[in-house]
Amino acid sequence: MNQTLTCLALPAPDCVRRGVFPMHGETCPLPASLARHVVDAGQVLFPPTMPAFGARHAMPEPALRAPGMGTWAGQSLKDLSPADLARWIADAGFAPPGGESRTTLLRRVACWLETLPPTPARVTVVADATVVRAITVAALGGTAAMLSRLDIAPLTRTCLTRHAAWRVAVSGAPLP
């Protein structure tokens, strides 16, 4: 059985562009054009904090939630201690107080990817770009340190295929 997993990276919330960590579950409105990218999917999966967007066979998937930022949620990068920021950037195992590390994020997403049923043949994921990055690294068998070395921007498409194992076919392609 061949399977295609298409991952659509959600737009970044406005606060991120201002250097502020989003609050838990904060999302931005979905572009109307996003619906045309899920038409052929046998199943559409999205984080539970995202409003359902009316796609056929769409369902929330807890493993696709954005990483928890704990007490850093809603705070500006400028308001955090430089030492904490440096550690967060350098150490994949470091988590904001009450939040989730990149190591934990990758473990969560890798477990989900590993247990994803082989049917339907076409699955679409709509999730935060960080989660799409984690799915890609998990498919490649990479480590959490690799998450900061892969660029997948918001409003891009990443495609994976599974035959015997997952392969990355397209990574971070702009949505047409």
C-alpha atoms as a PDB file:
ATOM      1  CA  MET A   1       0.000   0.000   0.000  1.00  0.00           C
ATOM      2  CA  ASN A   2       1.332   3.414  -0.957  1.00  0.00           C
ATOM      3  CA  GLN A   3       0.336   6.433   1.092  1.00  0.00           C
ATOM      4  CA  THR A   4       0.799  10.147   0.545  1.00  0.00           C
ATOM      5  CA  LEU A   5       0.865  12.536   3.494  1.00  0.00           C
ATOM      6  CA  THR A   6       0.515  16.166   2.454  1.00  0.00           C
ATOM      7  CA  CYS A   7       1.293  18.670   5.208  1.00  0.00           C
ATOM      8  CA  LEU A   8       0.029  22.227   4.874  1.00  0.00           C
ATOM      9  CA  ALA A   9       1.742  24.725   7.177  1.00  0.00           C
ATOM     10  CA  LEU A  10      -0.712  27.173   8.699  1.00  0.00           C
ATOM     11  CA  PRO A  11      -0.148  30.919   8.522  1.00  0.00           C
ATOM     12  CA  ALA A  12       1.734  32.301  11.515  1.00  0.00           C
ATOM     13  CA  PRO A  13      -0.352  34.252  14.025  1.00  0.00           C
ATOM     14  CA  ASP A  14       0.230  38.032  13.882  1.00  0.00           C
ATOM     15  CA  CYS A  15       1.887  37.963  17.309  1.00  0.00           C
ATOM     16  CA  VAL A  16       4.722  35.785  15.970  1.00  0.00           C
ATOM     17  CA  ARG A  17       5.590  38.402  13.358  1.00  0.00           C
ATOM     18  CA  ARG A  18       5.878  40.885  16.250  1.00  0.00           C
ATOM     19  CA  GLY A  19       8.236  38.581  18.206  1.00  0.00           C
ATOM     20  CA  VAL A  20       5.611  37.422  20.724  1.00  0.00           C
ATOM     21  CA  PHE A  21       4.955  33.771  21.558  1.00  0.00           C
ATOM     22  CA  PRO A  22       1.340  32.810  20.793  1.00  0.00           C
ATOM     23  CA  MET A  23      -1.075  31.991  23.574  1.00  0.00           C
ATOM     24  CA  HIS A  24      -2.092  28.327  23.873  1.00  0.00           C
ATOM     25  CA  GLY A  25      -4.378  27.462  20.976  1.00  0.00           C
ATOM     26  CA  GLU A  26      -4.011  30.840  19.242  1.00  0.00           C
ATOM     27  CA  THR A  27      -4.444  30.502  15.508  1.00  0.00           C
ATOM     28  CA  CYS A  28      -5.079  32.923  12.698  1.00  0.00           C
ATOM     29  CA  PRO A  29      -7.919  32.771  10.223  1.00  0.00           C
ATOM     30  CA  LEU A  30      -7.471  30.180   7.531  1.00  0.00           C
ATOM     31  CA  PRO A  31      -7.090  31.555   4.033  1.00  0.00           C
ATOM     32  CA  ALA A  32     -10.100  30.653   1.886  1.00  0.00           C
ATOM     33  CA  SER A  33      -7.722  29.212  -0.708  1.00  0.00           C
ATOM     34  CA  LEU A  34      -6.609  26.505   1.735  1.00  0.00           C
ATOM     35  CA  ALA A  35      -9.780  24.474   1.081  1.00  0.00           C
ATOM     36  CA  ARG A  36      -8.738  23.709  -2.501  1.00  0.00           C
ATOM     37  CA  HIS A  37      -5.600  21.977  -1.191  1.00  0.00           C
ATOM     38  CA  VAL A  38      -7.595  19.396   0.769  1.00  0.00           C
ATOM     39  CA  VAL A  39     -10.156  18.437  -1.880  1.00  0.00           C
ATOM     40  CA  ASP A  40      -8.580  15.118  -2.879  1.00  0.00           C
ATOM     41  CA  ALA A  41      -7.608  13.996   0.615  1.00  0.00           C
ATOM     42  CA  GLY A  42      -9.091  10.775   1.910  1.00  0.00           C
ATOM     43  CA  GLN A  43      -8.696  12.245   5.389  1.00  0.00           C
ATOM     44  CA  VAL A  44      -7.828  15.698   6.748  1.00  0.00           C
ATOM     45  CA  LEU A  45      -6.252  16.018  10.188  1.00  0.00           C
ATOM     46  CA  PHE A  46      -5.794  19.257  12.116  1.00  0.00           C
ATOM     47  CA  PRO A  47      -4.908  20.376  15.669  1.00  0.00           C
ATOM     48  CA  PRO A  48      -7.842  20.354  18.110  1.00  0.00           C
ATOM     49  CA  THR A  49      -7.436  24.087  18.817  1.00  0.00           C
ATOM     50  CA  MET A  50      -8.079  24.962  15.175  1.00  0.00           C
ATOM     51  CA  PRO A  51     -11.669  25.574  14.122  1.00  0.00           C
ATOM     52  CA  ALA A  52     -12.977  22.904  11.765  1.00  0.00           C
ATOM     53  CA  PHE A  53     -13.002  24.205   8.222  1.00  0.00           C
ATOM     54  CA  GLY A  54     -15.657  22.009   6.672  1.00  0.00           C
ATOM     55  CA  ALA A  55     -13.474  19.640   4.675  1.00  0.00           C
ATOM     56  CA  ARG A  56     -14.889  16.197   4.092  1.00  0.00           C
ATOM     57  CA  HIS A  57     -13.387  13.558   6.383  1.00  0.00           C
ATOM     58  CA  ALA A  58     -11.771  16.215   8.595  1.00  0.00           C
ATOM     59  CA  MET A  59     -11.005  15.433  12.202  1.00  0.00           C
ATOM     60  CA  PRO A  60      -8.920  16.915  15.010  1.00  0.00           C
ATOM     61  CA  GLU A  61      -5.705  15.135  15.989  1.00  0.00           C
ATOM     62  CA  PRO A  62      -4.175  16.031  19.400  1.00  0.00           C
ATOM     63  CA  ALA A  63      -0.645  15.036  18.307  1.00  0.00           C
ATOM     64  CA  LEU A  64      -0.694  17.869  15.749  1.00  0.00           C
ATOM     65  CA  ARG A  65      -0.990  20.674  18.305  1.00  0.00           C
ATOM     66  CA  ALA A  66       1.667  23.385  18.269  1.00  0.00           C
ATOM     67  CA  PRO A  67       4.393  23.054  20.897  1.00  0.00           C
ATOM     68  CA  GLY A  68       3.372  24.349  24.305  1.00  0.00           C
ATOM     69  CA  MET A  69       5.262  27.478  25.333  1.00  0.00           C
ATOM     70  CA  GLY A  70       4.257  27.323  29.008  1.00  0.00           C
ATOM     71  CA  THR A  71       4.773  30.606  30.857  1.00  0.00           C
ATOM     72  CA  TRP A  72       6.390  32.120  27.770  1.00  0.00           C
ATOM     73  CA  ALA A  73       3.023  32.154  25.963  1.00  0.00           C
ATOM     74  CA  GLY A  74       2.027  35.756  25.247  1.00  0.00           C
ATOM     75  CA  GLN A  75       5.478  37.111  26.111  1.00  0.00           C
ATOM     76  CA  SER A  76       7.760  39.057  23.832  1.00  0.00           C
ATOM     77  CA  LEU A  77      11.191  37.671  23.015  1.00  0.00           C
ATOM     78  CA  LYS A  78      12.594  40.981  24.313  1.00  0.00           C
ATOM     79  CA  ASP A  79      11.098  40.329  27.764  1.00  0.00           C
ATOM     80  CA  LEU A  80      12.810  36.972  28.284  1.00  0.00           C
ATOM     81  CA  SER A  81      16.201  36.530  29.842  1.00  0.00           C
ATOM     82  CA  PRO A  82      18.981  36.344  27.217  1.00  0.00           C
ATOM     83  CA  ALA A  83      20.357  33.245  28.963  1.00  0.00           C
ATOM     84  CA  ASP A  84      17.015  31.427  28.725  1.00  0.00           C
ATOM     85  CA  LEU A  85      16.615  32.383  25.074  1.00  0.00           C
ATOM     86  CA  ALA A  86      20.144  31.231  24.271  1.00  0.00           C
ATOM     87  CA  ARG A  87      19.526  27.908  26.003  1.00  0.00           C
ATOM     88  CA  TRP A  88      16.167  27.457  24.240  1.00  0.00           C
ATOM     89  CA  ILE A  89      17.869  28.018  20.870  1.00  0.00           C
ATOM     90  CA  ALA A  90      20.913  25.818  21.576  1.00  0.00           C
ATOM     91  CA  ASP A  91      19.441  22.950  23.618  1.00  0.00           C
ATOM     92  CA  ALA A  92      16.723  20.829  21.987  1.00  0.00           C
ATOM     93  CA  GLY A  93      15.942  19.328  25.400  1.00  0.00           C
ATOM     94  CA  PHE A  94      15.258  22.702  27.047  1.00  0.00           C
ATOM     95  CA  ALA A  95      11.612  23.650  27.546  1.00  0.00           C
ATOM     96  CA  PRO A  96      10.146  26.980  28.583  1.00  0.00           C
ATOM     97  CA  PRO A  97       8.803  26.723  32.151  1.00  0.00           C
ATOM     98  CA  GLY A  98       5.663  24.592  31.915  1.00  0.00           C
ATOM     99  CA  GLY A  99       6.194  24.175  28.151  1.00  0.00           C
ATOM    100  CA  GLU A 100       7.410  21.579  25.706  1.00  0.00           C
ATOM    101  CA  SER A 101      10.956  21.034  24.439  1.00  0.00           C
ATOM    102  CA  ARG A 102      11.802  20.293  20.832  1.00  0.00           C
ATOM    103  CA  THR A 103      12.774  16.787  21.960  1.00  0.00           C
ATOM    104  CA  THR A 104       9.295  16.220  23.419  1.00  0.00           C
ATOM    105  CA  LEU A 105       7.622  17.695  20.330  1.00  0.00           C
ATOM    106  CA  LEU A 106       9.583  15.390  18.024  1.00  0.00           C
ATOM    107  CA  ARG A 107       8.839  12.348  20.204  1.00  0.00           C
ATOM    108  CA  ARG A 108       5.094  13.157  20.188  1.00  0.00           C
ATOM    109  CA  VAL A 109       4.959  13.670  16.414  1.00  0.00           C
ATOM    110  CA  ALA A 110       7.189  10.669  15.634  1.00  0.00           C
ATOM    111  CA  CYS A 111       4.937   8.397  17.701  1.00  0.00           C
ATOM    112  CA  TRP A 112       1.887   9.711  15.828  1.00  0.00           C
ATOM    113  CA  LEU A 113       3.570   9.243  12.438  1.00  0.00           C
ATOM    114  CA  GLU A 114       4.688   5.732  13.340  1.00  0.00           C
ATOM    115  CA  THR A 115       1.135   4.704  14.279  1.00  0.00           C
ATOM    116  CA  LEU A 116      -0.645   6.445  11.398  1.00  0.00           C
ATOM    117  CA  PRO A 117      -2.751   3.735   9.688  1.00  0.00           C
ATOM    118  CA  PRO A 118      -1.750   2.931   6.086  1.00  0.00           C
ATOM    119  CA  THR A 119      -5.226   3.848   4.841  1.00  0.00           C
ATOM    120  CA  PRO A 120      -6.594   6.021   3.432  1.00  0.00           C
ATOM    121  CA  ALA A 121      -4.042   6.419   0.666  1.00  0.00           C
ATOM    122  CA  ARG A 122      -4.180  10.235   0.785  1.00  0.00           C
ATOM    123  CA  VAL A 123      -3.983  12.077   4.105  1.00  0.00           C
ATOM    124  CA  THR A 124      -3.654  15.829   4.541  1.00  0.00           C
ATOM    125  CA  VAL A 125      -2.385  17.462   7.712  1.00  0.00           C
ATOM    126  CA  VAL A 126      -3.062  21.139   8.391  1.00  0.00           C
ATOM    127  CA  ALA A 127      -0.781  22.270  11.233  1.00  0.00           C
ATOM    128  CA  ASP A 128       1.693  24.836  12.544  1.00  0.00           C
ATOM    129  CA  ALA A 129       4.924  25.024  10.523  1.00  0.00           C
ATOM    130  CA  THR A 130       6.841  23.787  13.599  1.00  0.00           C
ATOM    131  CA  VAL A 131       4.730  20.626  13.639  1.00  0.00           C
ATOM    132  CA  VAL A 132       5.225  20.100   9.896  1.00  0.00           C
ATOM    133  CA  ARG A 133       8.961  20.457  10.480  1.00  0.00           C
ATOM    134  CA  ALA A 134       8.751  17.803  13.228  1.00  0.00           C
ATOM    135  CA  ILE A 135       6.795  15.442  10.939  1.00  0.00           C
ATOM    136  CA  THR A 136       9.498  15.823   8.281  1.00  0.00           C
ATOM    137  CA  VAL A 137      12.371  15.217  10.701  1.00  0.00           C
ATOM    138  CA  ALA A 138      10.535  12.218  12.185  1.00  0.00           C
ATOM    139  CA  ALA A 139      10.033  10.747   8.703  1.00  0.00           C
ATOM    140  CA  LEU A 140      13.765  11.023   8.101  1.00  0.00           C
ATOM    141  CA  GLY A 141      14.597   9.444  11.468  1.00  0.00           C
ATOM    142  CA  GLY A 142      16.321  12.622  12.601  1.00  0.00           C
ATOM    143  CA  THR A 143      16.956  14.108  16.012  1.00  0.00           C
ATOM    144  CA  ALA A 144      15.375  17.098  17.734  1.00  0.00           C
ATOM    145  CA  ALA A 145      18.548  19.104  17.050  1.00  0.00           C
ATOM    146  CA  MET A 146      17.647  18.893  13.342  1.00  0.00           C
ATOM    147  CA  LEU A 147      14.378  20.795  13.881  1.00  0.00           C
ATOM    148  CA  SER A 148      16.222  24.108  13.928  1.00  0.00           C
ATOM    149  CA  ARG A 149      18.116  23.188  10.753  1.00  0.00           C
ATOM    150  CA  LEU A 150      15.133  22.724   8.474  1.00  0.00           C
ATOM    151  CA  ASP A 151      13.183  25.621   6.997  1.00  0.00           C
ATOM    152  CA  ILE A 152       9.480  25.078   6.507  1.00  0.00           C
ATOM    153  CA  ALA A 153       7.682  28.392   6.323  1.00  0.00           C
ATOM    154  CA  PRO A 154       4.008  29.101   7.000  1.00  0.00           C
ATOM    155  CA  LEU A 155       1.689  28.634   4.008  1.00  0.00           C
ATOM    156  CA  THR A 156       3.852  25.965   2.403  1.00  0.00           C
ATOM    157  CA  ARG A 157       3.303  22.347   1.415  1.00  0.00           C
ATOM    158  CA  THR A 158       5.410  19.353   2.399  1.00  0.00           C
ATOM    159  CA  CYS A 159       4.680  15.903   0.944  1.00  0.00           C
ATOM    160  CA  LEU A 160       5.781  12.555   2.290  1.00  0.00           C
ATOM    161  CA  THR A 161       5.206   9.155   0.754  1.00  0.00           C
ATOM    162  CA  ARG A 162       5.166   5.793   2.462  1.00  0.00           C
ATOM    163  CA  HIS A 163       5.890   2.501   0.779  1.00  0.00           C
ATOM    164  CA  ALA A 164       7.929   0.422   3.241  1.00  0.00           C
ATOM    165  CA  ALA A 165       9.110   3.558   5.075  1.00  0.00           C
ATOM    166  CA  TRP A 166       8.417   7.290   4.950  1.00  0.00           C
ATOM    167  CA  ARG A 167      10.220   9.413   2.368  1.00  0.00           C
ATOM    168  CA  VAL A 168      10.201  13.159   1.888  1.00  0.00           C
ATOM    169  CA  ALA A 169       9.067  14.016  -1.637  1.00  0.00           C
ATOM    170  CA  VAL A 170       8.630  17.805  -1.303  1.00  0.00           C
ATOM    171  CA  SER A 171       9.595  20.086   1.567  1.00  0.00           C
ATOM    172  CA  GLY A 172       8.426  23.640   2.169  1.00  0.00           C
ATOM    173  CA  ALA A 173       7.063  24.371  -1.309  1.00  0.00           C
ATOM    174  CA  PRO A 174       5.007  27.586  -1.461  1.00  0.00           C
ATOM    175  CA  LEU A 175       1.288  27.001  -1.876  1.00  0.00           C
ATOM    176  CA  PRO A 176       0.188  27.921  -5.402  1.00  0.00           C
END
